[in-house]
Amino acid sequence: MAESADMGFWEKLLRIDRRWIYLAIGIFVFFPILMNLGLPVYITDEVKAVYDRIDSLSPGTVVMIPCEYDPATMAELRPMAHAVFRHCFAKDLKIVSCALQIEGVTLVKDDLAKIASEYGKTYGEDYVFLGYKPYPAIVILNMGENFRKPFPKDYFRKELDEYPMMKGVINYSSCALIVNINATSGADYWINYANGRYKAPLALGVTAVMATDYYTFLASGQIFGLMGGLKGAAEYEKMIGHSAAATKAMDVQSVAHSVIVLFIILGNIAFFASRKRKKGI
């Protein structure tokens, strides 16, 4: 009788309304949103390489951080951009940025201004946002000659040479490195032209689904570092000692994945247990 009741339970589990499963996942995910679980984040070599290169720079050094994400991909890449901006401003580095994806131009501009304000940085002295121009391959090639070719004026329609920071900043050779945070295939243009043609030291920050495509370029030395999705952003947050959106999102993601795996295990147990009963074993 006990065995029969037990088998009845597994059969009922197989027929459970999937909405209860969605509800259970929602409840479990709700807790890490409200509280910081502090689940461990392990640092990978490819992300640490980006941190170490930036951390080695002297105050006043110019770095370029072009950002190409939009509302559809900002959940993954915005935390990454914020972490890199914070690291640069904490080191008193100067940032040149642009956005070659038109849907994300104002997002990037606002994100850069937000993080700059946290560190008391001044536009034109500590950072400059070039804005957007179409045809990214051509823009990247032209910036390798002179930033003023595609961007004679910045996003705010002022001549670049009016800004103290831009005096003597001509092209990629004026920047210690480039960290391209990119949700598009345009990352290939930065590899082919910024690094391939102009030999600019280049690192990439991309969405998780894109990351596997760029390990080949990491192995070949065409990029010196690679950050992939929220995991990469969370690693960077940990290294700069500023836990923010990515760290919390990794807690949420870890709990959600654990609950889903648990349901998969239960579902398989229920399937085999009910099949065993039907066979009369």
C-alpha atoms as a PDB file:
ATOM      1  CA  MET A   1       0.000   0.000   0.000  1.00  0.00           C
ATOM      2  CA  ALA A   2       2.791   2.379   0.855  1.00  0.00           C
ATOM      3  CA  GLU A   3       4.444   1.665  -2.479  1.00  0.00           C
ATOM      4  CA  SER A   4       1.151   2.228  -4.311  1.00  0.00           C
ATOM      5  CA  ALA A   5       0.616   5.538  -2.535  1.00  0.00           C
ATOM      6  CA  ASP A   6       4.190   6.519  -3.330  1.00  0.00           C
ATOM      7  CA  MET A   7       3.718   5.749  -7.013  1.00  0.00           C
ATOM      8  CA  GLY A   8       0.471   7.706  -6.981  1.00  0.00           C
ATOM      9  CA  PHE A   9       2.390  10.717  -5.767  1.00  0.00           C
ATOM     10  CA  TRP A  10       4.864  10.538  -8.661  1.00  0.00           C
ATOM     11  CA  GLU A  11       2.063  10.213 -11.203  1.00  0.00           C
ATOM     12  CA  LYS A  12       0.361  13.258  -9.743  1.00  0.00           C
ATOM     13  CA  LEU A  13       3.667  15.131  -9.950  1.00  0.00           C
ATOM     14  CA  LEU A  14       3.899  14.399 -13.669  1.00  0.00           C
ATOM     15  CA  ARG A  15       0.423  15.865 -14.226  1.00  0.00           C
ATOM     16  CA  ILE A  16       0.986  19.032 -12.209  1.00  0.00           C
ATOM     17  CA  ASP A  17      -0.110  22.268 -13.903  1.00  0.00           C
ATOM     18  CA  ARG A  18       3.026  23.988 -15.229  1.00  0.00           C
ATOM     19  CA  ARG A  19       1.795  27.290 -13.802  1.00  0.00           C
ATOM     20  CA  TRP A  20       2.626  25.980 -10.317  1.00  0.00           C
ATOM     21  CA  ILE A  21       6.198  25.418 -11.496  1.00  0.00           C
ATOM     22  CA  TYR A  22       6.405  28.982 -12.821  1.00  0.00           C
ATOM     23  CA  LEU A  23       5.043  30.256  -9.521  1.00  0.00           C
ATOM     24  CA  ALA A  24       7.588  28.254  -7.520  1.00  0.00           C
ATOM     25  CA  ILE A  25      10.475  29.579  -9.626  1.00  0.00           C
ATOM     26  CA  GLY A  26       9.132  33.117  -9.215  1.00  0.00           C
ATOM     27  CA  ILE A  27       8.969  32.763  -5.439  1.00  0.00           C
ATOM     28  CA  PHE A  28      12.511  31.380  -5.161  1.00  0.00           C
ATOM     29  CA  VAL A  29      13.902  34.092  -7.474  1.00  0.00           C
ATOM     30  CA  PHE A  30      12.174  36.807  -5.446  1.00  0.00           C
ATOM     31  CA  PHE A  31      14.386  36.268  -2.382  1.00  0.00           C
ATOM     32  CA  PRO A  32      17.788  37.100  -3.933  1.00  0.00           C
ATOM     33  CA  ILE A  33      16.202  40.225  -5.448  1.00  0.00           C
ATOM     34  CA  LEU A  34      15.313  41.440  -1.947  1.00  0.00           C
ATOM     35  CA  MET A  35      18.478  40.373  -0.136  1.00  0.00           C
ATOM     36  CA  ASN A  36      22.133  39.961  -1.010  1.00  0.00           C
ATOM     37  CA  LEU A  37      23.001  36.266  -0.895  1.00  0.00           C
ATOM     38  CA  GLY A  38      26.675  36.894  -1.591  1.00  0.00           C
ATOM     39  CA  LEU A  39      27.158  33.742  -3.656  1.00  0.00           C
ATOM     40  CA  PRO A  40      30.796  33.292  -4.728  1.00  0.00           C
ATOM     41  CA  VAL A  41      31.984  34.798  -8.009  1.00  0.00           C
ATOM     42  CA  TYR A  42      35.128  33.186  -9.401  1.00  0.00           C
ATOM     43  CA  ILE A  43      37.555  35.354 -11.374  1.00  0.00           C
ATOM     44  CA  THR A  44      38.616  34.084 -14.795  1.00  0.00           C
ATOM     45  CA  ASP A  45      41.941  34.911 -16.424  1.00  0.00           C
ATOM     46  CA  GLU A  46      40.388  36.663 -19.424  1.00  0.00           C
ATOM     47  CA  VAL A  47      38.455  39.128 -17.258  1.00  0.00           C
ATOM     48  CA  LYS A  48      41.361  39.666 -14.870  1.00  0.00           C
ATOM     49  CA  ALA A  49      43.531  40.565 -17.871  1.00  0.00           C
ATOM     50  CA  VAL A  50      41.255  43.550 -18.596  1.00  0.00           C
ATOM     51  CA  TYR A  51      41.315  44.650 -14.958  1.00  0.00           C
ATOM     52  CA  ASP A  52      45.093  44.264 -14.648  1.00  0.00           C
ATOM     53  CA  ARG A  53      45.814  46.237 -17.818  1.00  0.00           C
ATOM     54  CA  ILE A  54      43.623  49.149 -16.729  1.00  0.00           C
ATOM     55  CA  ASP A  55      44.903  48.990 -13.160  1.00  0.00           C
ATOM     56  CA  SER A  56      48.496  49.301 -14.370  1.00  0.00           C
ATOM     57  CA  LEU A  57      47.897  52.672 -16.050  1.00  0.00           C
ATOM     58  CA  SER A  58      49.104  55.939 -14.561  1.00  0.00           C
ATOM     59  CA  PRO A  59      46.644  58.724 -13.623  1.00  0.00           C
ATOM     60  CA  GLY A  60      45.854  60.995 -16.563  1.00  0.00           C
ATOM     61  CA  THR A  61      46.235  58.220 -19.154  1.00  0.00           C
ATOM     62  CA  VAL A  62      43.613  58.260 -21.914  1.00  0.00           C
ATOM     63  CA  VAL A  63      41.621  55.100 -22.595  1.00  0.00           C
ATOM     64  CA  MET A  64      38.914  54.517 -25.188  1.00  0.00           C
ATOM     65  CA  ILE A  65      35.684  52.731 -24.209  1.00  0.00           C
ATOM     66  CA  PRO A  66      33.262  52.558 -27.162  1.00  0.00           C
ATOM     67  CA  CYS A  67      29.926  51.065 -26.106  1.00  0.00           C
ATOM     68  CA  GLU A  68      27.485  49.446 -28.482  1.00  0.00           C
ATOM     69  CA  TYR A  69      24.449  48.173 -26.604  1.00  0.00           C
ATOM     70  CA  ASP A  70      20.760  49.069 -26.726  1.00  0.00           C
ATOM     71  CA  PRO A  71      17.615  48.540 -24.610  1.00  0.00           C
ATOM     72  CA  ALA A  72      17.484  44.875 -25.672  1.00  0.00           C
ATOM     73  CA  THR A  73      21.014  44.081 -24.461  1.00  0.00           C
ATOM     74  CA  MET A  74      21.644  46.655 -21.746  1.00  0.00           C
ATOM     75  CA  ALA A  75      20.692  44.205 -18.967  1.00  0.00           C
ATOM     76  CA  GLU A  76      23.904  42.307 -19.702  1.00  0.00           C
ATOM     77  CA  LEU A  77      26.243  45.029 -20.893  1.00  0.00           C
ATOM     78  CA  ARG A  78      25.265  48.111 -18.881  1.00  0.00           C
ATOM     79  CA  PRO A  79      26.620  46.627 -15.596  1.00  0.00           C
ATOM     80  CA  MET A  80      29.837  45.790 -17.434  1.00  0.00           C
ATOM     81  CA  ALA A  81      30.168  49.331 -18.779  1.00  0.00           C
ATOM     82  CA  HIS A  82      29.476  50.784 -15.328  1.00  0.00           C
ATOM     83  CA  ALA A  83      32.160  48.590 -13.749  1.00  0.00           C
ATOM     84  CA  VAL A  84      34.807  49.577 -16.301  1.00  0.00           C
ATOM     85  CA  PHE A  85      33.863  53.272 -16.069  1.00  0.00           C
ATOM     86  CA  ARG A  86      34.130  53.097 -12.272  1.00  0.00           C
ATOM     87  CA  HIS A  87      37.547  51.476 -12.432  1.00  0.00           C
ATOM     88  CA  CYS A  88      38.859  54.082 -14.866  1.00  0.00           C
ATOM     89  CA  PHE A  89      37.532  57.058 -12.919  1.00  0.00           C
ATOM     90  CA  ALA A  90      38.782  55.614  -9.620  1.00  0.00           C
ATOM     91  CA  LYS A  91      42.253  55.445 -11.226  1.00  0.00           C
ATOM     92  CA  ASP A  92      41.920  59.037 -12.505  1.00  0.00           C
ATOM     93  CA  LEU A  93      42.081  57.886 -16.105  1.00  0.00           C
ATOM     94  CA  LYS A  94      40.493  59.895 -18.906  1.00  0.00           C
ATOM     95  CA  ILE A  95      37.838  58.284 -21.098  1.00  0.00           C
ATOM     96  CA  VAL A  96      37.021  58.799 -24.764  1.00  0.00           C
ATOM     97  CA  SER A  97      33.780  57.036 -25.680  1.00  0.00           C
ATOM     98  CA  CYS A  98      31.415  56.711 -28.623  1.00  0.00           C
ATOM     99  CA  ALA A  99      28.371  54.651 -29.573  1.00  0.00           C
ATOM    100  CA  LEU A 100      28.173  53.135 -33.045  1.00  0.00           C
ATOM    101  CA  GLN A 101      24.756  51.522 -32.504  1.00  0.00           C
ATOM    102  CA  ILE A 102      22.144  54.214 -32.930  1.00  0.00           C
ATOM    103  CA  GLU A 103      19.544  52.706 -30.565  1.00  0.00           C
ATOM    104  CA  GLY A 104      21.940  52.968 -27.647  1.00  0.00           C
ATOM    105  CA  VAL A 105      23.496  56.397 -28.082  1.00  0.00           C
ATOM    106  CA  THR A 106      21.587  58.199 -25.330  1.00  0.00           C
ATOM    107  CA  LEU A 107      21.878  55.162 -23.041  1.00  0.00           C
ATOM    108  CA  VAL A 108      25.658  55.208 -23.254  1.00  0.00           C
ATOM    109  CA  LYS A 109      25.812  58.981 -22.894  1.00  0.00           C
ATOM    110  CA  ASP A 110      23.651  58.888 -19.758  1.00  0.00           C
ATOM    111  CA  ASP A 111      25.532  55.909 -18.279  1.00  0.00           C
ATOM    112  CA  LEU A 112      28.885  57.600 -18.721  1.00  0.00           C
ATOM    113  CA  ALA A 113      27.611  60.852 -17.200  1.00  0.00           C
ATOM    114  CA  LYS A 114      26.046  58.972 -14.262  1.00  0.00           C
ATOM    115  CA  ILE A 115      29.256  57.172 -13.295  1.00  0.00           C
ATOM    116  CA  ALA A 116      31.344  60.305 -13.882  1.00  0.00           C
ATOM    117  CA  SER A 117      29.148  62.214 -11.422  1.00  0.00           C
ATOM    118  CA  GLU A 118      29.789  59.543  -8.760  1.00  0.00           C
ATOM    119  CA  TYR A 119      33.491  60.394  -8.928  1.00  0.00           C
ATOM    120  CA  GLY A 120      33.139  64.143  -9.395  1.00  0.00           C
ATOM    121  CA  LYS A 121      34.502  64.025 -12.936  1.00  0.00           C
ATOM    122  CA  THR A 122      34.022  66.911 -15.365  1.00  0.00           C
ATOM    123  CA  TYR A 123      32.981  66.614 -18.989  1.00  0.00           C
ATOM    124  CA  GLY A 124      35.704  67.806 -21.337  1.00  0.00           C
ATOM    125  CA  GLU A 125      38.403  67.452 -18.701  1.00  0.00           C
ATOM    126  CA  ASP A 126      37.985  63.853 -17.588  1.00  0.00           C
ATOM    127  CA  TYR A 127      35.820  62.305 -20.289  1.00  0.00           C
ATOM    128  CA  VAL A 128      34.414  63.048 -23.744  1.00  0.00           C
ATOM    129  CA  PHE A 129      31.532  61.370 -25.563  1.00  0.00           C
ATOM    130  CA  LEU A 130      31.944  61.547 -29.332  1.00  0.00           C
ATOM    131  CA  GLY A 131      28.436  60.303 -30.132  1.00  0.00           C
ATOM    132  CA  TYR A 132      27.264  58.328 -33.148  1.00  0.00           C
ATOM    133  CA  LYS A 133      28.089  58.089 -36.829  1.00  0.00           C
ATOM    134  CA  PRO A 134      26.778  55.456 -39.283  1.00  0.00           C
ATOM    135  CA  TYR A 135      28.866  52.801 -41.081  1.00  0.00           C
ATOM    136  CA  PRO A 136      30.969  51.560 -38.148  1.00  0.00           C
ATOM    137  CA  ALA A 137      33.749  49.997 -40.240  1.00  0.00           C
ATOM    138  CA  ILE A 138      34.448  53.334 -41.939  1.00  0.00           C
ATOM    139  CA  VAL A 139      34.194  55.239 -38.648  1.00  0.00           C
ATOM    140  CA  ILE A 140      36.641  52.877 -36.907  1.00  0.00           C
ATOM    141  CA  LEU A 141      39.108  53.166 -39.789  1.00  0.00           C
ATOM    142  CA  ASN A 142      38.881  56.955 -39.809  1.00  0.00           C
ATOM    143  CA  MET A 143      39.332  57.215 -36.037  1.00  0.00           C
ATOM    144  CA  GLY A 144      42.586  55.305 -36.518  1.00  0.00           C
ATOM    145  CA  GLU A 145      43.813  58.292 -38.528  1.00  0.00           C
ATOM    146  CA  ASN A 146      42.230  61.053 -36.487  1.00  0.00           C
ATOM    147  CA  PHE A 147      39.203  61.162 -34.200  1.00  0.00           C
ATOM    148  CA  ARG A 148      38.284  64.453 -35.843  1.00  0.00           C
ATOM    149  CA  LYS A 149      37.692  62.847 -39.246  1.00  0.00           C
ATOM    150  CA  PRO A 150      34.425  61.112 -38.313  1.00  0.00           C
ATOM    151  CA  PHE A 151      33.835  63.301 -35.238  1.00  0.00           C
ATOM    152  CA  PRO A 152      34.851  66.921 -35.907  1.00  0.00           C
ATOM    153  CA  LYS A 153      32.379  67.708 -33.114  1.00  0.00           C
ATOM    154  CA  ASP A 154      31.269  65.701 -30.113  1.00  0.00           C
ATOM    155  CA  TYR A 155      27.747  64.599 -29.182  1.00  0.00           C
ATOM    156  CA  PHE A 156      27.030  68.112 -27.863  1.00  0.00           C
ATOM    157  CA  ARG A 157      28.112  69.743 -31.143  1.00  0.00           C
ATOM    158  CA  LYS A 158      31.295  71.313 -29.834  1.00  0.00           C
ATOM    159  CA  GLU A 159      34.694  71.160 -31.527  1.00  0.00           C
ATOM    160  CA  LEU A 160      36.871  68.491 -29.942  1.00  0.00           C
ATOM    161  CA  ASP A 161      39.794  70.864 -29.555  1.00  0.00           C
ATOM    162  CA  GLU A 162      37.698  73.094 -27.317  1.00  0.00           C
ATOM    163  CA  TYR A 163      38.044  70.461 -24.588  1.00  0.00           C
ATOM    164  CA  PRO A 164      41.251  70.469 -22.512  1.00  0.00           C
ATOM    165  CA  MET A 165      41.310  66.672 -22.426  1.00  0.00           C
ATOM    166  CA  MET A 166      41.394  66.334 -26.214  1.00  0.00           C
ATOM    167  CA  LYS A 167      44.456  68.518 -26.793  1.00  0.00           C
ATOM    168  CA  GLY A 168      47.068  66.151 -28.137  1.00  0.00           C
ATOM    169  CA  VAL A 169      44.638  63.229 -28.331  1.00  0.00           C
ATOM    170  CA  ILE A 170      44.708  62.410 -32.036  1.00  0.00           C
ATOM    171  CA  ASN A 171      43.870  58.760 -32.673  1.00  0.00           C
ATOM    172  CA  TYR A 172      44.205  55.270 -31.189  1.00  0.00           C
ATOM    173  CA  SER A 173      47.919  55.788 -30.610  1.00  0.00           C
ATOM    174  CA  SER A 174      46.973  58.512 -28.102  1.00  0.00           C
ATOM    175  CA  CYS A 175      45.025  55.923 -26.061  1.00  0.00           C
ATOM    176  CA  ALA A 176      46.670  53.303 -23.880  1.00  0.00           C
ATOM    177  CA  LEU A 177      44.022  50.742 -24.812  1.00  0.00           C
ATOM    178  CA  ILE A 178      40.515  50.180 -26.128  1.00  0.00           C
ATOM    179  CA  VAL A 179      37.810  48.280 -24.254  1.00  0.00           C
ATOM    180  CA  ASN A 180      34.920  47.756 -26.663  1.00  0.00           C
ATOM    181  CA  ILE A 181      31.657  46.794 -24.942  1.00  0.00           C
ATOM    182  CA  ASN A 182      29.601  45.443 -27.788  1.00  0.00           C
ATOM    183  CA  ALA A 183      26.360  43.511 -28.346  1.00  0.00           C
ATOM    184  CA  THR A 184      26.706  43.419 -32.145  1.00  0.00           C
ATOM    185  CA  SER A 185      28.845  41.786 -34.805  1.00  0.00           C
ATOM    186  CA  GLY A 186      30.507  45.198 -35.043  1.00  0.00           C
ATOM    187  CA  ALA A 187      33.005  43.848 -32.509  1.00  0.00           C
ATOM    188  CA  ASP A 188      34.661  42.211 -35.528  1.00  0.00           C
ATOM    189  CA  TYR A 189      35.376  45.644 -37.018  1.00  0.00           C
ATOM    190  CA  TRP A 190      37.271  46.670 -33.890  1.00  0.00           C
ATOM    191  CA  ILE A 191      39.358  43.506 -34.154  1.00  0.00           C
ATOM    192  CA  ASN A 192      39.990  43.835 -37.899  1.00  0.00           C
ATOM    193  CA  TYR A 193      40.702  47.555 -38.033  1.00  0.00           C
ATOM    194  CA  ALA A 194      41.495  49.035 -34.610  1.00  0.00           C
ATOM    195  CA  ASN A 195      43.747  46.122 -33.691  1.00  0.00           C
ATOM    196  CA  GLY A 196      44.506  44.537 -37.061  1.00  0.00           C
ATOM    197  CA  ARG A 197      45.367  47.697 -38.945  1.00  0.00           C
ATOM    198  CA  TYR A 198      46.341  50.163 -36.232  1.00  0.00           C
ATOM    199  CA  LYS A 199      47.675  47.673 -33.637  1.00  0.00           C
ATOM    200  CA  ALA A 200      45.641  49.234 -30.824  1.00  0.00           C
ATOM    201  CA  PRO A 201      45.565  47.034 -27.677  1.00  0.00           C
ATOM    202  CA  LEU A 202      41.971  45.796 -27.598  1.00  0.00           C
ATOM    203  CA  ALA A 203      39.712  44.009 -25.125  1.00  0.00           C
ATOM    204  CA  LEU A 204      36.074  43.059 -25.643  1.00  0.00           C
ATOM    205  CA  GLY A 205      33.017  42.940 -23.423  1.00  0.00           C
ATOM    206  CA  VAL A 206      30.206  41.029 -25.126  1.00  0.00           C
ATOM    207  CA  THR A 207      26.953  39.248 -24.320  1.00  0.00           C
ATOM    208  CA  ALA A 208      27.207  35.730 -22.918  1.00  0.00           C
ATOM    209  CA  VAL A 209      25.933  34.145 -26.121  1.00  0.00           C
ATOM    210  CA  MET A 210      28.619  35.978 -28.139  1.00  0.00           C
ATOM    211  CA  ALA A 211      31.553  35.214 -25.855  1.00  0.00           C
ATOM    212  CA  THR A 212      32.430  31.784 -27.265  1.00  0.00           C
ATOM    213  CA  ASP A 213      32.952  33.321 -30.714  1.00  0.00           C
ATOM    214  CA  TYR A 214      35.794  35.512 -29.444  1.00  0.00           C
ATOM    215  CA  TYR A 215      37.984  33.070 -27.498  1.00  0.00           C
ATOM    216  CA  THR A 216      39.808  32.372 -30.766  1.00  0.00           C
ATOM    217  CA  PHE A 217      40.857  36.024 -30.953  1.00  0.00           C
ATOM    218  CA  LEU A 218      41.902  35.889 -27.306  1.00  0.00           C
ATOM    219  CA  ALA A 219      44.098  32.855 -27.989  1.00  0.00           C
ATOM    220  CA  SER A 220      45.649  34.530 -31.049  1.00  0.00           C
ATOM    221  CA  GLY A 221      46.473  37.684 -29.092  1.00  0.00           C
ATOM    222  CA  GLN A 222      44.279  39.954 -31.204  1.00  0.00           C
ATOM    223  CA  ILE A 223      42.428  40.869 -28.026  1.00  0.00           C
ATOM    224  CA  PHE A 224      44.126  40.920 -24.623  1.00  0.00           C
ATOM    225  CA  GLY A 225      41.004  40.302 -22.538  1.00  0.00           C
ATOM    226  CA  LEU A 226      37.388  39.194 -22.795  1.00  0.00           C
ATOM    227  CA  MET A 227      34.344  39.773 -20.572  1.00  0.00           C
ATOM    228  CA  GLY A 228      31.256  37.688 -21.252  1.00  0.00           C
ATOM    229  CA  GLY A 229      27.765  38.724 -20.122  1.00  0.00           C
ATOM    230  CA  LEU A 230      26.646  39.187 -16.527  1.00  0.00           C
ATOM    231  CA  LYS A 231      29.267  36.712 -15.285  1.00  0.00           C
ATOM    232  CA  GLY A 232      32.064  38.849 -16.712  1.00  0.00           C
ATOM    233  CA  ALA A 233      30.486  41.999 -15.299  1.00  0.00           C
ATOM    234  CA  ALA A 234      30.117  40.389 -11.854  1.00  0.00           C
ATOM    235  CA  GLU A 235      33.768  39.347 -11.910  1.00  0.00           C
ATOM    236  CA  TYR A 236      34.794  42.899 -12.698  1.00  0.00           C
ATOM    237  CA  GLU A 237      32.576  44.286  -9.935  1.00  0.00           C
ATOM    238  CA  LYS A 238      34.252  41.933  -7.484  1.00  0.00           C
ATOM    239  CA  MET A 239      37.745  43.035  -8.529  1.00  0.00           C
ATOM    240  CA  ILE A 240      36.966  46.739  -8.145  1.00  0.00           C
ATOM    241  CA  GLY A 241      35.214  46.077  -4.836  1.00  0.00           C
ATOM    242  CA  HIS A 242      31.891  47.554  -5.921  1.00  0.00           C
ATOM    243  CA  SER A 243      29.065  45.001  -5.945  1.00  0.00           C
ATOM    244  CA  ALA A 244      26.189  46.289  -8.049  1.00  0.00           C
ATOM    245  CA  ALA A 245      23.633  45.069 -10.597  1.00  0.00           C
ATOM    246  CA  ALA A 246      25.689  42.224 -12.069  1.00  0.00           C
ATOM    247  CA  THR A 247      26.533  40.675  -8.694  1.00  0.00           C
ATOM    248  CA  LYS A 248      22.884  40.685  -7.622  1.00  0.00           C
ATOM    249  CA  ALA A 249      21.802  39.370 -11.025  1.00  0.00           C
ATOM    250  CA  MET A 250      24.221  36.447 -10.698  1.00  0.00           C
ATOM    251  CA  ASP A 251      22.608  35.550  -7.356  1.00  0.00           C
ATOM    252  CA  VAL A 252      19.181  35.602  -9.014  1.00  0.00           C
ATOM    253  CA  GLN A 253      20.421  33.605 -11.985  1.00  0.00           C
ATOM    254  CA  SER A 254      22.135  30.990  -9.792  1.00  0.00           C
ATOM    255  CA  VAL A 255      19.009  30.442  -7.688  1.00  0.00           C
ATOM    256  CA  ALA A 256      16.796  30.228 -10.800  1.00  0.00           C
ATOM    257  CA  HIS A 257      19.101  27.674 -12.444  1.00  0.00           C
ATOM    258  CA  SER A 258      19.283  25.602  -9.251  1.00  0.00           C
ATOM    259  CA  VAL A 259      15.476  25.459  -8.950  1.00  0.00           C
ATOM    260  CA  ILE A 260      15.110  24.521 -12.623  1.00  0.00           C
ATOM    261  CA  VAL A 261      17.674  21.721 -12.243  1.00  0.00           C
ATOM    262  CA  LEU A 262      15.791  20.486  -9.164  1.00  0.00           C
ATOM    263  CA  PHE A 263      12.540  20.335 -11.122  1.00  0.00           C
ATOM    264  CA  ILE A 264      14.280  18.473 -13.951  1.00  0.00           C
ATOM    265  CA  ILE A 265      15.571  15.882 -11.475  1.00  0.00           C
ATOM    266  CA  LEU A 266      12.138  15.502  -9.879  1.00  0.00           C
ATOM    267  CA  GLY A 267      10.514  15.211 -13.293  1.00  0.00           C
ATOM    268  CA  ASN A 268      12.872  12.411 -14.337  1.00  0.00           C
ATOM    269  CA  ILE A 269      12.352  10.538 -11.073  1.00  0.00           C
ATOM    270  CA  ALA A 270       8.590  10.852 -11.511  1.00  0.00           C
ATOM    271  CA  PHE A 271       8.774   9.649 -15.115  1.00  0.00           C
ATOM    272  CA  PHE A 272      10.779   6.503 -14.362  1.00  0.00           C
ATOM    273  CA  ALA A 273       8.820   5.750 -11.180  1.00  0.00           C
ATOM    274  CA  SER A 274       5.468   5.944 -12.981  1.00  0.00           C
ATOM    275  CA  ARG A 275       6.759   3.870 -15.920  1.00  0.00           C
ATOM    276  CA  LYS A 276       7.967   1.206 -13.508  1.00  0.00           C
ATOM    277  CA  ARG A 277       4.486   1.015 -11.968  1.00  0.00           C
ATOM    278  CA  LYS A 278       2.766   0.711 -15.351  1.00  0.00           C
ATOM    279  CA  LYS A 279       5.030  -2.201 -16.238  1.00  0.00           C
ATOM    280  CA  GLY A 280       4.000  -3.847 -12.969  1.00  0.00           C
ATOM    281  CA  ILE A 281       7.542  -4.077 -11.667  1.00  0.00           C
END
